[in-house]
C-alpha atoms as a PDB file:
ATOM      1  CA  MET A   1      71.953  27.180  79.210  1.00  0.00           C
ATOM      2  CA  GLN A   2      68.376  26.297  80.018  1.00  0.00           C
ATOM      3  CA  ASN A   3      65.097  27.415  78.526  1.00  0.00           C
ATOM      4  CA  GLN A   4      63.543  30.659  79.699  1.00  0.00           C
ATOM      5  CA  ALA A   5      61.672  28.945  82.511  1.00  0.00           C
ATOM      6  CA  GLY A   6      64.254  26.477  83.764  1.00  0.00           C
ATOM      7  CA  SER A   7      63.353  22.818  83.325  1.00  0.00           C
ATOM      8  CA  HIS A   8      59.680  23.584  82.645  1.00  0.00           C
ATOM      9  CA  ILE A   9      58.555  24.190  79.062  1.00  0.00           C
ATOM     10  CA  THR A  10      57.004  27.626  78.584  1.00  0.00           C
ATOM     11  CA  ILE A  11      55.264  28.628  75.352  1.00  0.00           C
ATOM     12  CA  ARG A  12      54.226  32.215  74.692  1.00  0.00           C
ATOM     13  CA  LEU A  13      51.504  33.390  72.328  1.00  0.00           C
ATOM     14  CA  PRO A  14      52.326  34.825  68.888  1.00  0.00           C
ATOM     15  CA  SER A  15      51.973  38.588  68.602  1.00  0.00           C
ATOM     16  CA  LYS A  16      48.800  38.048  66.568  1.00  0.00           C
ATOM     17  CA  TYR A  17      47.107  36.700  69.689  1.00  0.00           C
ATOM     18  CA  SER A  18      49.028  38.332  72.534  1.00  0.00           C
ATOM     19  CA  SER A  19      47.767  41.747  71.404  1.00  0.00           C
ATOM     20  CA  SER A  20      44.298  40.643  72.438  1.00  0.00           C
ATOM     21  CA  ALA A  21      43.120  42.010  75.783  1.00  0.00           C
ATOM     22  CA  ALA A  22      41.951  38.517  76.698  1.00  0.00           C
ATOM     23  CA  ALA A  23      45.331  36.916  76.034  1.00  0.00           C
ATOM     24  CA  PRO A  24      47.766  36.672  78.964  1.00  0.00           C
ATOM     25  CA  GLU A  25      51.362  37.791  78.424  1.00  0.00           C
ATOM     26  CA  SER A  26      54.243  35.398  79.167  1.00  0.00           C
ATOM     27  CA  SER A  27      56.468  37.408  81.493  1.00  0.00           C
ATOM     28  CA  SER A  28      58.957  34.533  81.737  1.00  0.00           C
ATOM     29  CA  PHE A  29      59.858  34.528  78.024  1.00  0.00           C
ATOM     30  CA  THR A  30      63.358  35.627  77.055  1.00  0.00           C
ATOM     31  CA  HIS A  31      64.858  35.856  73.584  1.00  0.00           C
ATOM     32  CA  PRO A  32      67.385  33.195  72.567  1.00  0.00           C
ATOM     33  CA  PRO A  33      70.954  34.309  71.856  1.00  0.00           C
ATOM     34  CA  LEU A  34      71.337  34.732  68.120  1.00  0.00           C
ATOM     35  CA  GLU A  35      74.396  32.486  68.076  1.00  0.00           C
ATOM     36  CA  TRP A  36      72.330  29.737  69.725  1.00  0.00           C
ATOM     37  CA  LEU A  37      70.006  29.659  66.693  1.00  0.00           C
ATOM     38  CA  HIS A  38      72.907  29.268  64.256  1.00  0.00           C
ATOM     39  CA  ARG A  39      72.786  25.519  63.639  1.00  0.00           C
ATOM     40  CA  THR A  40      70.811  22.883  61.720  1.00  0.00           C
ATOM     41  CA  TRP A  41      67.431  21.983  63.207  1.00  0.00           C
ATOM     42  CA  ALA A  42      65.312  18.943  62.403  1.00  0.00           C
ATOM     43  CA  VAL A  43      61.627  19.780  61.984  1.00  0.00           C
ATOM     44  CA  THR A  44      60.108  16.933  63.966  1.00  0.00           C
ATOM     45  CA  HIS A  45      56.447  18.003  64.229  1.00  0.00           C
ATOM     46  CA  SER A  46      54.403  20.414  62.134  1.00  0.00           C
ATOM     47  CA  THR A  47      50.908  21.493  61.200  1.00  0.00           C
ATOM     48  CA  LEU A  48      52.080  22.279  57.651  1.00  0.00           C
ATOM     49  CA  SER A  49      50.442  19.919  55.171  1.00  0.00           C
ATOM     50  CA  MET A  50      53.449  20.214  52.831  1.00  0.00           C
ATOM     51  CA  TRP A  51      55.501  18.080  55.229  1.00  0.00           C
ATOM     52  CA  ARG A  52      53.008  15.186  55.158  1.00  0.00           C
ATOM     53  CA  SER A  53      54.737  13.889  52.019  1.00  0.00           C
ATOM     54  CA  ALA A  54      58.301  14.772  53.065  1.00  0.00           C
ATOM     55  CA  ARG A  55      60.899  13.285  55.378  1.00  0.00           C
ATOM     56  CA  ASN A  56      64.044  14.507  57.113  1.00  0.00           C
ATOM     57  CA  VAL A  57      62.976  18.149  56.983  1.00  0.00           C
ATOM     58  CA  ARG A  58      65.702  20.389  58.359  1.00  0.00           C
ATOM     59  CA  ILE A  59      66.402  24.092  58.588  1.00  0.00           C
ATOM     60  CA  THR A  60      69.874  25.602  58.794  1.00  0.00           C
ATOM     61  CA  TYR A  61      70.342  29.128  60.139  1.00  0.00           C
ATOM     62  CA  LYS A  62      73.655  30.873  59.472  1.00  0.00           C
ATOM     63  CA  PRO A  63      74.710  34.465  60.225  1.00  0.00           C
ATOM     64  CA  ILE A  64      74.964  37.003  57.415  1.00  0.00           C
ATOM     65  CA  PRO A  65      76.073  40.637  57.671  1.00  0.00           C
ATOM     66  CA  SER A  66      73.439  43.301  58.186  1.00  0.00           C
ATOM     67  CA  THR A  67      72.851  45.688  55.291  1.00  0.00           C
ATOM     68  CA  SER A  68      73.895  48.748  57.311  1.00  0.00           C
ATOM     69  CA  ASN A  69      75.677  49.689  60.522  1.00  0.00           C
ATOM     70  CA  GLY A  70      73.227  49.176  63.335  1.00  0.00           C
ATOM     71  CA  GLY A  71      70.747  47.523  60.978  1.00  0.00           C
ATOM     72  CA  PRO A  72      68.495  44.615  61.930  1.00  0.00           C
ATOM     73  CA  ALA A  73      69.962  41.157  62.400  1.00  0.00           C
ATOM     74  CA  ARG A  74      69.840  38.874  59.359  1.00  0.00           C
ATOM     75  CA  ILE A  75      70.282  35.122  59.038  1.00  0.00           C
ATOM     76  CA  ASP A  76      70.564  32.779  56.095  1.00  0.00           C
ATOM     77  CA  ASP A  77      67.604  30.369  56.108  1.00  0.00           C
ATOM     78  CA  LEU A  78      67.991  27.082  54.216  1.00  0.00           C
ATOM     79  CA  VAL A  79      65.211  24.478  54.310  1.00  0.00           C
ATOM     80  CA  GLU A  80      66.097  21.011  53.007  1.00  0.00           C
ATOM     81  CA  TYR A  81      63.901  17.949  52.762  1.00  0.00           C
ATOM     82  CA  GLU A  82      63.442  14.639  50.979  1.00  0.00           C
ATOM     83  CA  SER A  83      60.334  13.337  49.289  1.00  0.00           C
ATOM     84  CA  CYS A  84      58.786  10.329  51.016  1.00  0.00           C
ATOM     85  CA  SER A  85      58.820   8.613  47.620  1.00  0.00           C
ATOM     86  CA  ALA A  86      62.583   9.087  47.159  1.00  0.00           C
ATOM     87  CA  PRO A  87      64.917   6.074  47.611  1.00  0.00           C
ATOM     88  CA  THR A  88      66.471   5.558  51.032  1.00  0.00           C
ATOM     89  CA  PRO A  89      69.972   4.340  51.972  1.00  0.00           C
ATOM     90  CA  GLY A  90      70.182   0.638  51.114  1.00  0.00           C
ATOM     91  CA  ASP A  91      67.881   1.012  48.134  1.00  0.00           C
ATOM     92  CA  PRO A  92      69.683   0.153  44.832  1.00  0.00           C
ATOM     93  CA  LYS A  93      68.560   3.543  43.483  1.00  0.00           C
ATOM     94  CA  PHE A  94      70.258   5.421  46.311  1.00  0.00           C
ATOM     95  CA  PRO A  95      71.947   7.851  45.999  1.00  0.00           C
ATOM     96  CA  ALA A  96      70.165   9.556  43.155  1.00  0.00           C
ATOM     97  CA  ARG A  97      70.269  13.114  41.896  1.00  0.00           C
ATOM     98  CA  GLY A  98      67.534  15.394  43.103  1.00  0.00           C
ATOM     99  CA  ILE A  99      66.707  13.525  46.299  1.00  0.00           C
ATOM    100  CA  VAL A 100      67.290  16.567  48.524  1.00  0.00           C
ATOM    101  CA  LYS A 101      65.063  19.547  47.766  1.00  0.00           C
ATOM    102  CA  ALA A 102      65.958  23.000  49.054  1.00  0.00           C
ATOM    103  CA  ILE A 103      64.229  26.328  49.724  1.00  0.00           C
ATOM    104  CA  GLY A 104      66.572  29.243  50.373  1.00  0.00           C
ATOM    105  CA  GLY A 105      65.764  32.562  51.951  1.00  0.00           C
ATOM    106  CA  VAL A 106      66.877  35.356  54.260  1.00  0.00           C
ATOM    107  CA  ASP A 107      65.374  36.172  57.645  1.00  0.00           C
ATOM    108  CA  THR A 108      65.451  39.787  58.834  1.00  0.00           C
ATOM    109  CA  ALA A 109      64.634  40.698  62.429  1.00  0.00           C
ATOM    110  CA  ALA A 110      61.116  42.154  62.455  1.00  0.00           C
ATOM    111  CA  SER A 111      61.526  44.089  65.695  1.00  0.00           C
ATOM    112  CA  THR A 112      63.633  47.193  66.236  1.00  0.00           C
ATOM    113  CA  ASP A 113      64.046  46.285  69.912  1.00  0.00           C
ATOM    114  CA  ASP A 114      67.690  45.536  70.656  1.00  0.00           C
ATOM    115  CA  GLY A 115      68.206  41.839  71.295  1.00  0.00           C
ATOM    116  CA  ASP A 116      64.830  40.697  69.972  1.00  0.00           C
ATOM    117  CA  THR A 117      65.708  37.480  68.154  1.00  0.00           C
ATOM    118  CA  SER A 118      62.224  35.969  68.262  1.00  0.00           C
ATOM    119  CA  SER A 119      60.377  37.758  65.448  1.00  0.00           C
ATOM    120  CA  TRP A 120      61.486  37.444  61.813  1.00  0.00           C
ATOM    121  CA  ASN A 121      60.452  38.357  58.288  1.00  0.00           C
ATOM    122  CA  TRP A 122      61.445  35.787  55.673  1.00  0.00           C
ATOM    123  CA  ARG A 123      62.128  36.603  52.013  1.00  0.00           C
ATOM    124  CA  GLY A 124      62.899  33.941  49.414  1.00  0.00           C
ATOM    125  CA  ARG A 125      66.048  33.826  47.313  1.00  0.00           C
ATOM    126  CA  GLY A 126      66.282  33.525  43.543  1.00  0.00           C
ATOM    127  CA  LEU A 127      62.957  32.782  41.895  1.00  0.00           C
ATOM    128  CA  LEU A 128      61.300  32.973  45.317  1.00  0.00           C
ATOM    129  CA  TRP A 129      62.313  36.575  46.002  1.00  0.00           C
ATOM    130  CA  LEU A 130      58.722  37.790  45.545  1.00  0.00           C
ATOM    131  CA  ILE A 131      57.512  35.523  48.350  1.00  0.00           C
ATOM    132  CA  GLY A 132      57.677  36.656  51.965  1.00  0.00           C
ATOM    133  CA  SER A 133      56.363  35.503  55.312  1.00  0.00           C
ATOM    134  CA  HIS A 134      56.531  36.279  59.020  1.00  0.00           C
ATOM    135  CA  TRP A 135      57.476  33.844  61.773  1.00  0.00           C
ATOM    136  CA  GLU A 136      58.094  33.978  65.503  1.00  0.00           C
ATOM    137  CA  ILE A 137      59.738  31.875  68.194  1.00  0.00           C
ATOM    138  CA  LEU A 138      57.200  30.857  70.838  1.00  0.00           C
ATOM    139  CA  GLY A 139      59.554  28.833  73.026  1.00  0.00           C
ATOM    140  CA  TRP A 140      63.094  27.504  73.095  1.00  0.00           C
ATOM    141  CA  GLY A 141      65.609  25.894  75.376  1.00  0.00           C
ATOM    142  CA  GLU A 142      67.916  23.021  76.138  1.00  0.00           C
ATOM    143  CA  ARG A 143      68.041  20.421  78.863  1.00  0.00           C
ATOM    144  CA  ASP A 144      69.508  17.051  79.762  1.00  0.00           C
ATOM    145  CA  ILE A 145      68.113  14.018  77.960  1.00  0.00           C
ATOM    146  CA  PRO A 146      66.509  11.611  80.443  1.00  0.00           C
ATOM    147  CA  GLY A 147      68.680   8.549  81.001  1.00  0.00           C
ATOM    148  CA  SER A 148      71.722   9.998  79.229  1.00  0.00           C
ATOM    149  CA  GLU A 149      75.086  10.848  80.730  1.00  0.00           C
ATOM    150  CA  GLY A 150      74.826  14.603  80.538  1.00  0.00           C
ATOM    151  CA  GLU A 151      73.761  14.723  76.880  1.00  0.00           C
ATOM    152  CA  LYS A 152      71.612  17.753  76.105  1.00  0.00           C
ATOM    153  CA  GLU A 153      68.860  18.366  73.606  1.00  0.00           C
ATOM    154  CA  ARG A 154      67.872  21.748  72.222  1.00  0.00           C
ATOM    155  CA  TRP A 155      64.380  22.616  71.000  1.00  0.00           C
ATOM    156  CA  VAL A 156      62.454  25.470  69.404  1.00  0.00           C
ATOM    157  CA  VAL A 157      58.752  26.056  68.785  1.00  0.00           C
ATOM    158  CA  THR A 158      57.962  28.439  65.915  1.00  0.00           C
ATOM    159  CA  TRP A 159      54.748  29.961  64.603  1.00  0.00           C
ATOM    160  CA  PHE A 160      54.268  31.255  61.056  1.00  0.00           C
ATOM    161  CA  GLU A 161      51.609  33.498  59.577  1.00  0.00           C
ATOM    162  CA  ALA A 162      49.383  32.405  56.724  1.00  0.00           C
ATOM    163  CA  THR A 163      50.582  33.250  53.205  1.00  0.00           C
ATOM    164  CA  LEU A 164      49.098  32.871  49.733  1.00  0.00           C
ATOM    165  CA  PHE A 165      50.586  29.366  49.657  1.00  0.00           C
ATOM    166  CA  THR A 166      50.440  28.081  53.236  1.00  0.00           C
ATOM    167  CA  LYS A 167      48.075  28.207  56.168  1.00  0.00           C
ATOM    168  CA  GLU A 168      49.030  29.605  59.549  1.00  0.00           C
ATOM    169  CA  GLY A 169      50.877  26.969  61.527  1.00  0.00           C
ATOM    170  CA  VAL A 170      53.347  25.783  64.140  1.00  0.00           C
ATOM    171  CA  ASP A 171      56.591  23.777  63.930  1.00  0.00           C
ATOM    172  CA  ILE A 172      58.677  21.991  66.544  1.00  0.00           C
ATOM    173  CA  TYR A 173      62.448  21.822  65.993  1.00  0.00           C
ATOM    174  CA  SER A 174      65.113  19.632  67.570  1.00  0.00           C
ATOM    175  CA  ASP A 175      68.876  19.879  67.221  1.00  0.00           C
ATOM    176  CA  ARG A 176      68.999  16.050  67.223  1.00  0.00           C
ATOM    177  CA  ARG A 177      68.590  14.363  63.845  1.00  0.00           C
ATOM    178  CA  GLU A 178      66.489  11.639  65.443  1.00  0.00           C
ATOM    179  CA  GLY A 179      64.202  14.241  67.026  1.00  0.00           C
ATOM    180  CA  GLY A 180      63.444  15.262  70.580  1.00  0.00           C
ATOM    181  CA  SER A 181      63.058  12.803  73.415  1.00  0.00           C
ATOM    182  CA  PRO A 182      59.487  11.469  73.924  1.00  0.00           C
ATOM    183  CA  GLU A 183      59.276  13.251  77.285  1.00  0.00           C
ATOM    184  CA  LEU A 184      60.196  16.599  75.757  1.00  0.00           C
ATOM    185  CA  VAL A 185      57.831  16.261  72.798  1.00  0.00           C
ATOM    186  CA  GLU A 186      54.934  15.260  75.048  1.00  0.00           C
ATOM    187  CA  GLU A 187      55.499  18.265  77.276  1.00  0.00           C
ATOM    188  CA  ILE A 188      55.707  20.699  74.348  1.00  0.00           C
ATOM    189  CA  LEU A 189      52.532  19.341  72.756  1.00  0.00           C
ATOM    190  CA  GLY A 190      50.748  19.598  76.082  1.00  0.00           C
ATOM    191  CA  GLU A 191      51.746  23.242  76.477  1.00  0.00           C
ATOM    192  CA  LEU A 192      50.628  24.087  72.939  1.00  0.00           C
ATOM    193  CA  LYS A 193      47.224  22.486  73.412  1.00  0.00           C
ATOM    194  CA  GLY A 194      46.795  24.244  76.754  1.00  0.00           C
ATOM    195  CA  LEU A 195      47.431  27.809  75.562  1.00  0.00           C
ATOM    196  CA  LYS A 196      44.963  30.326  76.976  1.00  0.00           C
ATOM    197  CA  GLY A 197      43.401  33.181  75.028  1.00  0.00           C
ATOM    198  CA  ALA A 198      44.066  31.696  71.582  1.00  0.00           C
ATOM    199  CA  GLU A 199      41.426  29.085  70.814  1.00  0.00           C
ATOM    200  CA  GLU A 200      42.087  29.380  67.073  1.00  0.00           C
ATOM    201  CA  LEU A 201      45.767  28.576  67.557  1.00  0.00           C
ATOM    202  CA  VAL A 202      44.972  25.665  69.853  1.00  0.00           C
ATOM    203  CA  GLY A 203      42.699  24.307  67.125  1.00  0.00           C
ATOM    204  CA  ILE A 204      45.540  24.588  64.613  1.00  0.00           C
ATOM    205  CA  CYS A 205      47.847  22.683  66.977  1.00  0.00           C
ATOM    206  CA  GLU A 206      45.331  19.859  67.183  1.00  0.00           C
ATOM    207  CA  ASP A 207      46.399  19.065  63.612  1.00  0.00           C
ATOM    208  CA  MET A 208      50.062  18.755  64.621  1.00  0.00           C
ATOM    209  CA  LYS A 209      51.668  15.670  63.065  1.00  0.00           C
ATOM    210  CA  ALA A 210      55.084  14.062  63.415  1.00  0.00           C
ATOM    211  CA  VAL A 211      57.336  14.636  60.389  1.00  0.00           C
ATOM    212  CA  GLU A 212      58.881  11.426  59.062  1.00  0.00           C
ATOM    213  CA  ILE A 213      62.497  10.854  60.043  1.00  0.00           C
ATOM    214  CA  SER A 214      64.548   8.194  58.252  1.00  0.00           C
ATOM    215  CA  LEU A 215      68.231   8.243  59.123  1.00  0.00           C
ATOM    216  CA  PRO A 216      70.718   8.819  57.751  1.00  0.00           C
ATOM    217  CA  TRP A 217      69.782  12.025  55.982  1.00  0.00           C
ATOM    218  CA  ALA A 218      70.435  12.179  52.262  1.00  0.00           C
ATOM    219  CA  GLU A 219      73.023  14.867  51.571  1.00  0.00           C
ATOM    220  CA  LYS A 220      73.359  17.106  48.535  1.00  0.00           C
END
C-alpha cells in the first residue's frame, strides 16, 4: 500500500479551510482503510504546547463496535506519554509508578459518507466525558525507508480544532517508535508549510516542534 499520491507526499486542507472558495481541493486524497489506522502511532512532531514537556507520546487506535447496525465507525483512542522529568531506563529510580500518563477516549466518524475514515469526533472517557474535540486526517501513507532492505514506514498527518483547553494544531505520526526517516519528515514539513489557501494554518505549522523520543518507551 502506498499513500494516496504514490511516492509523493500529498497533504489536503482541513474542512475548516477547504470550504473557502479560495482554497483548492485535493482531488488525489483518498481515505485510509480503517484497519490500517488500528495500531500504535508515535507522535513525532506537533504544534501542541502540551507535548513540549513530554516524551514518547503515542496514540493507540483499536476497533470498537458501533452503537447500532449501520451506525458510524468508532475507535478506541488511547494517548500515552511520559513526562520529560520522569526517570529513564538506566536511572536508579526507573521504573517508578506513574511514569506513563494516559488519556482515554472514543472517536466516532464525523461524516455519514460511507468509507470516510478521515474525519472524527473525539469524546473523553471517565472524568473526561464532558470534553470533546474534532480532528481530521490530512495525509497518510507508507513507503520504503531509504537505505533499508524493503522495510516500510507508515505516517499520518492530523489536524485538530481548537478547544477550551488547546489551540488548533497539527500532529505528525509514525508507526516507528524512533520516528519517521529524516527524508520523510522533511518532505511532510515542506508540504505543510507550502499549503495554499490557508495562511492561518501555515502560520500554525511554523510552530511545529519535534516531540522528544527516548527509547525504550516506559510501559504501564
